[in-house]
Amino acid sequence: MDSTIDPATGAALPADAIQRILHISAKVHVYNIPPMASTRGHMAASWTDDPKRHIFTCRLRIIETAVPAPAEAPGPDRVKADIILEDASTGQLFAAAPYTARATVESAVDSSRFFALRVQDPQGRKATLGIGFEERSEAFDFSVALQEAQKALGMLGNEGYGAAAAGLKTLPGGGSGGGPPEEKKDYSLKDGETITVNLSGTKFGRNRIRPPPQQQSSKSSEEAVDLSSFALPPPPGSAPSPSSSSGRGANSFLPPPPSAQEIRAQKRMSAQDLGFDDGQFGEFA
């Protein structure tokens, strides 16, 4: 059975070590990039304009390694992630970047396919190289794999960031396993303890400044005057007249109906009263 090798140093790992490949790209271009000229970030255009800055084309892998704690010293698993640049045909290691912080990989400000990668050799010497993907989809998958590594190393939260930099897996609750967990403080009230809240000087306190009574009365009268403006005037002809008490006022719209006696008397009126002439001998009677 082949022994597990540390991808960054080439040293042998324990037999129970577990490795997982988070991402692999078969064709990645490596560049010798100039120092960053501005605080904005790295410009990929300055790498690709000069063909002499292109070093070679390699294979890129992101490998996560978990080493269980020995039985005589129980503890959390030691987890780390490395970004490996190697020859695609022979598998020979060209450079490795231990992913201990988010600053290990920085995106270029002018392209989503290029990144600045901080590599490190076994002696601890560091250098910054430029890498470029030919397809945007590969660059996107590379970024997703980095997020997966951040989750495994505890970089997504502020609690586990220091533990991730030390190469330790973050335990549930924010502890890193490298020391005792922080003691939780109890801020609850004990028996007999009370809390006093001072509301003086606020709108809920007793010292609230109230206006004088005269100002209050004048304000209420102003409100009454304002409300009276909403009253509608009476309709025309509805005002009572002095003679309205008799039942027939001057402002009545219709005369009272005739009585039954007046109707019978009108029917008994003669033709002459109606303007007809009965003639001399009463022939029209």
C-alpha atoms as a PDB file:
ATOM      1  CA  MET A   1       0.000   0.000   0.000  1.00  0.00           C
ATOM      2  CA  ASP A   2       1.432   3.355  -1.001  1.00  0.00           C
ATOM      3  CA  SER A   3       2.024   5.822   1.827  1.00  0.00           C
ATOM      4  CA  THR A   4       0.340   9.207   1.802  1.00  0.00           C
ATOM      5  CA  ILE A   5       2.629  12.086   0.867  1.00  0.00           C
ATOM      6  CA  ASP A   6       2.346  15.678   2.000  1.00  0.00           C
ATOM      7  CA  PRO A   7       1.628  17.522  -1.278  1.00  0.00           C
ATOM      8  CA  ALA A   8       3.474  20.663  -0.184  1.00  0.00           C
ATOM      9  CA  THR A   9       6.652  19.192   1.296  1.00  0.00           C
ATOM     10  CA  GLY A  10       6.810  15.647  -0.119  1.00  0.00           C
ATOM     11  CA  ALA A  11       7.167  14.188   3.377  1.00  0.00           C
ATOM     12  CA  ALA A  12       5.386  10.996   4.311  1.00  0.00           C
ATOM     13  CA  LEU A  13       2.176  11.275   6.318  1.00  0.00           C
ATOM     14  CA  PRO A  14       0.725   8.797   8.816  1.00  0.00           C
ATOM     15  CA  ALA A  15      -1.073   5.809   7.400  1.00  0.00           C
ATOM     16  CA  ASP A  16      -4.421   6.978   8.755  1.00  0.00           C
ATOM     17  CA  ALA A  17      -4.169  10.398   7.078  1.00  0.00           C
ATOM     18  CA  ILE A  18      -7.014  11.230   4.699  1.00  0.00           C
ATOM     19  CA  GLN A  19      -6.678  13.382   1.585  1.00  0.00           C
ATOM     20  CA  ARG A  20      -9.426  14.863  -0.544  1.00  0.00           C
ATOM     21  CA  ILE A  21      -9.083  16.658  -3.882  1.00  0.00           C
ATOM     22  CA  LEU A  22     -11.312  19.743  -3.868  1.00  0.00           C
ATOM     23  CA  HIS A  23     -10.444  20.962  -7.370  1.00  0.00           C
ATOM     24  CA  ILE A  24      -8.304  20.042 -10.343  1.00  0.00           C
ATOM     25  CA  SER A  25      -7.557  21.986 -13.531  1.00  0.00           C
ATOM     26  CA  ALA A  26      -5.502  20.332 -16.230  1.00  0.00           C
ATOM     27  CA  LYS A  27      -4.320  23.517 -17.952  1.00  0.00           C
ATOM     28  CA  VAL A  28      -3.371  26.616 -15.961  1.00  0.00           C
ATOM     29  CA  HIS A  29      -0.925  29.293 -17.106  1.00  0.00           C
ATOM     30  CA  VAL A  30       1.717  30.499 -14.642  1.00  0.00           C
ATOM     31  CA  TYR A  31       3.195  34.004 -14.840  1.00  0.00           C
ATOM     32  CA  ASN A  32       6.037  35.891 -13.231  1.00  0.00           C
ATOM     33  CA  ILE A  33       4.148  38.986 -12.138  1.00  0.00           C
ATOM     34  CA  PRO A  34       5.613  42.389 -11.237  1.00  0.00           C
ATOM     35  CA  PRO A  35       5.131  43.939  -7.819  1.00  0.00           C
ATOM     36  CA  MET A  36       1.719  45.452  -7.200  1.00  0.00           C
ATOM     37  CA  ALA A  37       1.849  49.055  -8.399  1.00  0.00           C
ATOM     38  CA  SER A  38      -1.322  50.388  -6.737  1.00  0.00           C
ATOM     39  CA  THR A  39      -3.483  49.643  -3.757  1.00  0.00           C
ATOM     40  CA  ARG A  40      -6.317  48.551  -6.050  1.00  0.00           C
ATOM     41  CA  GLY A  41      -4.750  45.135  -6.601  1.00  0.00           C
ATOM     42  CA  HIS A  42      -3.015  43.097  -9.258  1.00  0.00           C
ATOM     43  CA  MET A  43      -3.579  43.901 -12.932  1.00  0.00           C
ATOM     44  CA  ALA A  44      -3.613  40.823 -15.153  1.00  0.00           C
ATOM     45  CA  ALA A  45      -3.063  42.950 -18.255  1.00  0.00           C
ATOM     46  CA  SER A  46       0.513  43.658 -17.134  1.00  0.00           C
ATOM     47  CA  TRP A  47       1.207  39.896 -17.048  1.00  0.00           C
ATOM     48  CA  THR A  48      -0.193  38.898 -20.419  1.00  0.00           C
ATOM     49  CA  ASP A  49       1.154  41.836 -22.445  1.00  0.00           C
ATOM     50  CA  ASP A  50       4.739  40.644 -22.062  1.00  0.00           C
ATOM     51  CA  PRO A  51       5.208  37.057 -23.371  1.00  0.00           C
ATOM     52  CA  LYS A  52       8.440  36.750 -21.371  1.00  0.00           C
ATOM     53  CA  ARG A  53       6.451  36.727 -18.134  1.00  0.00           C
ATOM     54  CA  HIS A  54       4.746  33.458 -19.038  1.00  0.00           C
ATOM     55  CA  ILE A  55       6.660  30.680 -17.231  1.00  0.00           C
ATOM     56  CA  PHE A  56       4.856  27.519 -18.312  1.00  0.00           C
ATOM     57  CA  THR A  57       1.503  25.711 -18.353  1.00  0.00           C
ATOM     58  CA  CYS A  58       0.852  23.313 -15.501  1.00  0.00           C
ATOM     59  CA  ARG A  59      -1.824  21.361 -13.656  1.00  0.00           C
ATOM     60  CA  LEU A  60      -3.431  22.853 -10.549  1.00  0.00           C
ATOM     61  CA  ARG A  61      -4.911  20.890  -7.665  1.00  0.00           C
ATOM     62  CA  ILE A  62      -6.424  21.870  -4.313  1.00  0.00           C
ATOM     63  CA  ILE A  63      -5.839  19.061  -1.806  1.00  0.00           C
ATOM     64  CA  GLU A  64      -7.299  18.881   1.675  1.00  0.00           C
ATOM     65  CA  THR A  65      -5.373  16.732   4.166  1.00  0.00           C
ATOM     66  CA  ALA A  66      -6.694  15.518   7.518  1.00  0.00           C
ATOM     67  CA  VAL A  67      -4.329  13.878  10.016  1.00  0.00           C
ATOM     68  CA  PRO A  68      -6.050  12.245  13.027  1.00  0.00           C
ATOM     69  CA  ALA A  69      -4.600  12.851  16.457  1.00  0.00           C
ATOM     70  CA  PRO A  70      -2.536   9.998  17.945  1.00  0.00           C
ATOM     71  CA  ALA A  71      -4.237   7.674  20.389  1.00  0.00           C
ATOM     72  CA  GLU A  72      -1.878   8.591  23.238  1.00  0.00           C
ATOM     73  CA  ALA A  73      -2.753  12.304  22.867  1.00  0.00           C
ATOM     74  CA  PRO A  74      -6.439  12.574  21.943  1.00  0.00           C
ATOM     75  CA  GLY A  75      -7.470  15.798  20.282  1.00  0.00           C
ATOM     76  CA  PRO A  76      -8.968  17.266  17.139  1.00  0.00           C
ATOM     77  CA  ASP A  77      -7.870  16.231  13.672  1.00  0.00           C
ATOM     78  CA  ARG A  78      -5.235  18.401  12.064  1.00  0.00           C
ATOM     79  CA  VAL A  79      -6.690  19.691   8.791  1.00  0.00           C
ATOM     80  CA  LYS A  80      -4.909  21.735   6.158  1.00  0.00           C
ATOM     81  CA  ALA A  81      -5.332  22.631   2.477  1.00  0.00           C
ATOM     82  CA  ASP A  82      -2.671  23.179  -0.194  1.00  0.00           C
ATOM     83  CA  ILE A  83      -2.789  24.591  -3.723  1.00  0.00           C
ATOM     84  CA  ILE A  84      -0.395  22.564  -5.867  1.00  0.00           C
ATOM     85  CA  LEU A  85       1.172  23.557  -9.197  1.00  0.00           C
ATOM     86  CA  GLU A  86       2.705  20.511 -10.877  1.00  0.00           C
ATOM     87  CA  ASP A  87       3.774  19.178 -14.237  1.00  0.00           C
ATOM     88  CA  ALA A  88       0.750  17.667 -15.944  1.00  0.00           C
ATOM     89  CA  SER A  89       2.746  14.853 -17.606  1.00  0.00           C
ATOM     90  CA  THR A  90       5.160  13.799 -14.855  1.00  0.00           C
ATOM     91  CA  GLY A  91       3.401  15.041 -11.705  1.00  0.00           C
ATOM     92  CA  GLN A  92       6.570  16.782 -10.502  1.00  0.00           C
ATOM     93  CA  LEU A  93       5.895  19.542  -7.993  1.00  0.00           C
ATOM     94  CA  PHE A  94       6.640  23.037  -9.256  1.00  0.00           C
ATOM     95  CA  ALA A  95       5.273  25.176  -6.405  1.00  0.00           C
ATOM     96  CA  ALA A  96       2.881  24.807  -3.487  1.00  0.00           C
ATOM     97  CA  ALA A  97       0.792  27.378  -1.649  1.00  0.00           C
ATOM     98  CA  PRO A  98      -0.359  26.379   1.862  1.00  0.00           C
ATOM     99  CA  TYR A  99      -3.850  27.845   2.154  1.00  0.00           C
ATOM    100  CA  THR A 100      -3.646  29.260   5.674  1.00  0.00           C
ATOM    101  CA  ALA A 101      -5.332  32.621   4.995  1.00  0.00           C
ATOM    102  CA  ARG A 102      -7.626  34.197   2.434  1.00  0.00           C
ATOM    103  CA  ALA A 103      -4.803  36.487   1.320  1.00  0.00           C
ATOM    104  CA  THR A 104      -3.013  33.450  -0.140  1.00  0.00           C
ATOM    105  CA  VAL A 105      -5.157  33.872  -3.272  1.00  0.00           C
ATOM    106  CA  GLU A 106      -6.101  37.321  -4.580  1.00  0.00           C
ATOM    107  CA  SER A 107      -8.288  37.952  -7.628  1.00  0.00           C
ATOM    108  CA  ALA A 108      -7.077  40.257 -10.364  1.00  0.00           C
ATOM    109  CA  VAL A 109      -8.986  43.523 -10.544  1.00  0.00           C
ATOM    110  CA  ASP A 110      -9.345  43.505 -14.342  1.00  0.00           C
ATOM    111  CA  SER A 111     -10.247  39.852 -15.030  1.00  0.00           C
ATOM    112  CA  SER A 112     -12.118  37.063 -13.256  1.00  0.00           C
ATOM    113  CA  ARG A 113      -9.864  34.389 -14.851  1.00  0.00           C
ATOM    114  CA  PHE A 114      -6.594  35.501 -13.257  1.00  0.00           C
ATOM    115  CA  PHE A 115      -5.362  35.275  -9.673  1.00  0.00           C
ATOM    116  CA  ALA A 116      -2.246  36.131  -7.703  1.00  0.00           C
ATOM    117  CA  LEU A 117      -1.024  33.104  -5.744  1.00  0.00           C
ATOM    118  CA  ARG A 118       1.426  33.315  -2.822  1.00  0.00           C
ATOM    119  CA  VAL A 119       3.550  30.161  -2.890  1.00  0.00           C
ATOM    120  CA  GLN A 120       5.973  28.920  -0.239  1.00  0.00           C
ATOM    121  CA  ASP A 121       8.784  26.361  -0.285  1.00  0.00           C
ATOM    122  CA  PRO A 122       9.624  23.943   2.568  1.00  0.00           C
ATOM    123  CA  GLN A 123      12.262  26.403   3.846  1.00  0.00           C
ATOM    124  CA  GLY A 124       9.586  29.083   4.316  1.00  0.00           C
ATOM    125  CA  ARG A 125      10.584  31.340   1.435  1.00  0.00           C
ATOM    126  CA  LYS A 126       7.611  33.013  -0.235  1.00  0.00           C
ATOM    127  CA  ALA A 127       6.925  34.365  -3.706  1.00  0.00           C
ATOM    128  CA  THR A 128       3.882  35.609  -5.603  1.00  0.00           C
ATOM    129  CA  LEU A 129       2.995  34.040  -8.943  1.00  0.00           C
ATOM    130  CA  GLY A 130       0.199  34.774 -11.352  1.00  0.00           C
ATOM    131  CA  ILE A 131      -2.132  32.019 -12.553  1.00  0.00           C
ATOM    132  CA  GLY A 132      -4.690  32.225 -15.334  1.00  0.00           C
ATOM    133  CA  PHE A 133      -7.496  29.917 -16.456  1.00  0.00           C
ATOM    134  CA  GLU A 134      -8.512  29.636 -20.082  1.00  0.00           C
ATOM    135  CA  GLU A 135     -12.231  29.308 -19.268  1.00  0.00           C
ATOM    136  CA  ARG A 136     -14.293  31.367 -16.888  1.00  0.00           C
ATOM    137  CA  SER A 137     -16.117  28.253 -15.727  1.00  0.00           C
ATOM    138  CA  GLU A 138     -12.827  26.770 -14.465  1.00  0.00           C
ATOM    139  CA  ALA A 139     -12.017  29.984 -12.624  1.00  0.00           C
ATOM    140  CA  PHE A 140     -15.471  29.891 -11.037  1.00  0.00           C
ATOM    141  CA  ASP A 141     -14.995  26.269  -9.929  1.00  0.00           C
ATOM    142  CA  PHE A 142     -11.620  27.248  -8.471  1.00  0.00           C
ATOM    143  CA  SER A 143     -13.278  29.970  -6.383  1.00  0.00           C
ATOM    144  CA  VAL A 144     -15.969  27.558  -5.183  1.00  0.00           C
ATOM    145  CA  ALA A 145     -13.297  25.067  -4.114  1.00  0.00           C
ATOM    146  CA  LEU A 146     -11.561  27.800  -2.136  1.00  0.00           C
ATOM    147  CA  GLN A 147     -14.804  28.480  -0.301  1.00  0.00           C
ATOM    148  CA  GLU A 148     -15.061  24.776   0.494  1.00  0.00           C
ATOM    149  CA  ALA A 149     -11.544  24.885   1.931  1.00  0.00           C
ATOM    150  CA  GLN A 150     -12.423  27.967   3.966  1.00  0.00           C
ATOM    151  CA  LYS A 151     -15.378  26.099   5.429  1.00  0.00           C
ATOM    152  CA  ALA A 152     -13.204  23.127   6.392  1.00  0.00           C
ATOM    153  CA  LEU A 153     -10.543  25.385   7.937  1.00  0.00           C
ATOM    154  CA  GLY A 154     -13.009  27.657   9.739  1.00  0.00           C
ATOM    155  CA  MET A 155     -12.226  30.811   7.767  1.00  0.00           C
ATOM    156  CA  LEU A 156     -15.860  31.736   7.097  1.00  0.00           C
ATOM    157  CA  GLY A 157     -16.340  32.978  10.670  1.00  0.00           C
ATOM    158  CA  ASN A 158     -14.197  35.236  12.801  1.00  0.00           C
ATOM    159  CA  GLU A 159     -14.034  32.659  15.585  1.00  0.00           C
ATOM    160  CA  GLY A 160     -12.104  30.027  13.700  1.00  0.00           C
ATOM    161  CA  TYR A 161      -9.837  32.255  11.660  1.00  0.00           C
ATOM    162  CA  GLY A 162      -6.894  32.014  14.029  1.00  0.00           C
ATOM    163  CA  ALA A 163      -7.273  28.275  14.315  1.00  0.00           C
ATOM    164  CA  ALA A 164      -7.317  27.944  10.531  1.00  0.00           C
ATOM    165  CA  ALA A 165      -4.081  29.887  10.264  1.00  0.00           C
ATOM    166  CA  ALA A 166      -2.526  27.378  12.679  1.00  0.00           C
ATOM    167  CA  GLY A 167      -3.735  24.476  10.535  1.00  0.00           C
ATOM    168  CA  LEU A 168      -6.290  23.177  13.050  1.00  0.00           C
ATOM    169  CA  LYS A 169      -9.826  22.156  12.298  1.00  0.00           C
ATOM    170  CA  THR A 170     -12.416  24.335  14.000  1.00  0.00           C
ATOM    171  CA  LEU A 171     -14.602  22.483  16.470  1.00  0.00           C
ATOM    172  CA  PRO A 172     -18.355  23.161  16.887  1.00  0.00           C
ATOM    173  CA  GLY A 173     -18.936  26.196  19.065  1.00  0.00           C
ATOM    174  CA  GLY A 174     -15.913  28.175  17.840  1.00  0.00           C
ATOM    175  CA  GLY A 175     -13.169  26.309  19.715  1.00  0.00           C
ATOM    176  CA  SER A 176     -10.036  25.354  17.832  1.00  0.00           C
ATOM    177  CA  GLY A 177      -8.878  22.430  19.935  1.00  0.00           C
ATOM    178  CA  GLY A 178      -5.523  24.121  20.521  1.00  0.00           C
ATOM    179  CA  GLY A 179      -6.502  25.405  23.970  1.00  0.00           C
ATOM    180  CA  PRO A 180      -9.317  25.468  26.509  1.00  0.00           C
ATOM    181  CA  PRO A 181     -12.595  26.940  25.266  1.00  0.00           C
ATOM    182  CA  GLU A 182     -13.577  30.384  26.459  1.00  0.00           C
ATOM    183  CA  GLU A 183     -15.705  30.424  29.583  1.00  0.00           C
ATOM    184  CA  LYS A 184     -19.226  31.716  29.062  1.00  0.00           C
ATOM    185  CA  LYS A 185     -20.242  34.512  31.409  1.00  0.00           C
ATOM    186  CA  ASP A 186     -23.600  34.458  33.159  1.00  0.00           C
ATOM    187  CA  TYR A 187     -25.320  37.850  33.071  1.00  0.00           C
ATOM    188  CA  SER A 188     -28.661  36.670  34.516  1.00  0.00           C
ATOM    189  CA  LEU A 189     -30.089  38.284  37.650  1.00  0.00           C
ATOM    190  CA  LYS A 190     -29.555  36.448  40.912  1.00  0.00           C
ATOM    191  CA  ASP A 191     -32.154  36.154  43.668  1.00  0.00           C
ATOM    192  CA  GLY A 192     -32.841  39.537  45.233  1.00  0.00           C
ATOM    193  CA  GLU A 193     -31.146  41.553  42.496  1.00  0.00           C
ATOM    194  CA  THR A 194     -33.105  44.276  40.732  1.00  0.00           C
ATOM    195  CA  ILE A 195     -32.519  46.713  37.904  1.00  0.00           C
ATOM    196  CA  THR A 196     -33.336  50.414  38.266  1.00  0.00           C
ATOM    197  CA  VAL A 197     -34.128  52.357  35.132  1.00  0.00           C
ATOM    198  CA  ASN A 198     -34.010  56.168  35.332  1.00  0.00           C
ATOM    199  CA  LEU A 199     -36.533  57.721  32.932  1.00  0.00           C
ATOM    200  CA  SER A 200     -36.193  61.296  34.183  1.00  0.00           C
ATOM    201  CA  GLY A 201     -35.748  63.835  31.455  1.00  0.00           C
ATOM    202  CA  THR A 202     -37.448  61.635  28.874  1.00  0.00           C
ATOM    203  CA  LYS A 203     -40.986  61.730  27.554  1.00  0.00           C
ATOM    204  CA  PHE A 204     -41.835  58.831  29.861  1.00  0.00           C
ATOM    205  CA  GLY A 205     -40.441  60.409  33.043  1.00  0.00           C
ATOM    206  CA  ARG A 206     -42.100  62.542  35.719  1.00  0.00           C
ATOM    207  CA  ASN A 207     -39.957  65.556  34.949  1.00  0.00           C
ATOM    208  CA  ARG A 208     -41.494  65.995  31.564  1.00  0.00           C
ATOM    209  CA  ILE A 209     -42.023  69.679  30.773  1.00  0.00           C
ATOM    210  CA  ARG A 210     -45.731  70.369  30.404  1.00  0.00           C
ATOM    211  CA  PRO A 211     -47.164  73.589  28.895  1.00  0.00           C
ATOM    212  CA  PRO A 212     -48.995  76.044  31.219  1.00  0.00           C
ATOM    213  CA  PRO A 213     -52.796  75.623  31.576  1.00  0.00           C
ATOM    214  CA  GLN A 214     -53.465  78.829  29.632  1.00  0.00           C
ATOM    215  CA  GLN A 215     -51.537  77.541  26.689  1.00  0.00           C
ATOM    216  CA  GLN A 216     -53.427  74.260  26.864  1.00  0.00           C
ATOM    217  CA  SER A 217     -56.811  76.036  26.928  1.00  0.00           C
ATOM    218  CA  SER A 218     -55.845  78.286  24.031  1.00  0.00           C
ATOM    219  CA  LYS A 219     -54.652  75.292  22.105  1.00  0.00           C
ATOM    220  CA  SER A 220     -57.923  73.418  22.719  1.00  0.00           C
ATOM    221  CA  SER A 221     -59.943  76.489  21.643  1.00  0.00           C
ATOM    222  CA  GLU A 222     -57.887  76.738  18.462  1.00  0.00           C
ATOM    223  CA  GLU A 223     -58.602  73.096  17.774  1.00  0.00           C
ATOM    224  CA  ALA A 224     -62.323  73.755  18.317  1.00  0.00           C
ATOM    225  CA  VAL A 225     -62.226  76.658  15.889  1.00  0.00           C
ATOM    226  CA  ASP A 226     -60.459  74.543  13.369  1.00  0.00           C
ATOM    227  CA  LEU A 227     -63.059  71.795  13.738  1.00  0.00           C
ATOM    228  CA  SER A 228     -65.925  74.208  13.264  1.00  0.00           C
ATOM    229  CA  SER A 229     -64.694  74.979   9.780  1.00  0.00           C
ATOM    230  CA  PHE A 230     -65.753  71.474   8.767  1.00  0.00           C
ATOM    231  CA  ALA A 231     -69.501  72.258   9.450  1.00  0.00           C
ATOM    232  CA  LEU A 232     -71.616  72.553   6.258  1.00  0.00           C
ATOM    233  CA  PRO A 233     -74.008  75.521   5.767  1.00  0.00           C
ATOM    234  CA  PRO A 234     -77.786  74.746   5.771  1.00  0.00           C
ATOM    235  CA  PRO A 235     -79.490  74.332   2.381  1.00  0.00           C
ATOM    236  CA  PRO A 236     -81.288  77.370   0.925  1.00  0.00           C
ATOM    237  CA  GLY A 237     -84.875  77.834   2.065  1.00  0.00           C
ATOM    238  CA  SER A 238     -84.436  75.637   5.143  1.00  0.00           C
ATOM    239  CA  ALA A 239     -84.100  78.543   7.596  1.00  0.00           C
ATOM    240  CA  PRO A 240     -87.261  79.030   9.634  1.00  0.00           C
ATOM    241  CA  SER A 241     -89.235  82.244   9.057  1.00  0.00           C
ATOM    242  CA  PRO A 242     -91.251  84.227  11.629  1.00  0.00           C
ATOM    243  CA  SER A 243     -94.535  82.984  10.146  1.00  0.00           C
ATOM    244  CA  SER A 244     -93.437  79.319  10.106  1.00  0.00           C
ATOM    245  CA  SER A 245     -95.220  78.772  13.418  1.00  0.00           C
ATOM    246  CA  SER A 246     -98.603  79.220  11.672  1.00  0.00           C
ATOM    247  CA  GLY A 247     -97.822  76.307   9.326  1.00  0.00           C
ATOM    248  CA  ARG A 248     -97.621  78.391   6.092  1.00  0.00           C
ATOM    249  CA  GLY A 249     -94.364  80.236   5.906  1.00  0.00           C
ATOM    250  CA  ALA A 250     -93.188  82.470   3.140  1.00  0.00           C
ATOM    251  CA  ASN A 251     -90.424  79.999   2.322  1.00  0.00           C
ATOM    252  CA  SER A 252     -92.752  77.031   1.703  1.00  0.00           C
ATOM    253  CA  PHE A 253     -92.148  75.324  -1.597  1.00  0.00           C
ATOM    254  CA  LEU A 254     -95.735  74.013  -2.331  1.00  0.00           C
ATOM    255  CA  PRO A 255     -99.187  75.382  -1.325  1.00  0.00           C
ATOM    256  CA  PRO A 256    -101.288  73.221   0.990  1.00  0.00           C
ATOM    257  CA  PRO A 257    -103.684  70.792  -0.773  1.00  0.00           C
ATOM    258  CA  PRO A 258    -107.382  71.842  -1.079  1.00  0.00           C
ATOM    259  CA  SER A 259    -109.838  70.451   1.393  1.00  0.00           C
ATOM    260  CA  ALA A 260    -112.704  68.089   0.517  1.00  0.00           C
ATOM    261  CA  GLN A 261    -115.330  70.843   0.927  1.00  0.00           C
ATOM    262  CA  GLU A 262    -113.518  73.058  -1.572  1.00  0.00           C
ATOM    263  CA  ILE A 263    -113.400  70.203  -4.086  1.00  0.00           C
ATOM    264  CA  ARG A 264    -117.192  69.551  -3.751  1.00  0.00           C
ATOM    265  CA  ALA A 265    -117.991  73.249  -4.032  1.00  0.00           C
ATOM    266  CA  GLN A 266    -115.879  73.479  -7.173  1.00  0.00           C
ATOM    267  CA  LYS A 267    -117.816  70.592  -8.753  1.00  0.00           C
ATOM    268  CA  ARG A 268    -121.177  72.317  -7.991  1.00  0.00           C
ATOM    269  CA  MET A 269    -120.211  75.496  -9.870  1.00  0.00           C
ATOM    270  CA  SER A 270    -122.597  76.326 -12.776  1.00  0.00           C
ATOM    271  CA  ALA A 271    -121.612  76.616 -16.395  1.00  0.00           C
ATOM    272  CA  GLN A 272    -122.049  80.325 -16.191  1.00  0.00           C
ATOM    273  CA  ASP A 273    -119.591  80.485 -13.366  1.00  0.00           C
ATOM    274  CA  LEU A 274    -117.210  78.583 -15.583  1.00  0.00           C
ATOM    275  CA  GLY A 275    -117.630  81.140 -18.410  1.00  0.00           C
ATOM    276  CA  PHE A 276    -120.293  79.394 -20.585  1.00  0.00           C
ATOM    277  CA  ASP A 277    -123.510  81.152 -21.765  1.00  0.00           C
ATOM    278  CA  ASP A 278    -126.673  79.033 -21.463  1.00  0.00           C
ATOM    279  CA  GLY A 279    -128.340  81.099 -24.127  1.00  0.00           C
ATOM    280  CA  GLN A 280    -131.576  83.009 -23.952  1.00  0.00           C
ATOM    281  CA  PHE A 281    -133.819  79.976 -23.624  1.00  0.00           C
ATOM    282  CA  GLY A 282    -131.375  77.836 -21.716  1.00  0.00           C
ATOM    283  CA  GLU A 283    -130.580  75.599 -24.646  1.00  0.00           C
ATOM    284  CA  PHE A 284    -127.003  75.014 -23.411  1.00  0.00           C
ATOM    285  CA  ALA A 285    -128.146  74.016 -19.992  1.00  0.00           C
END
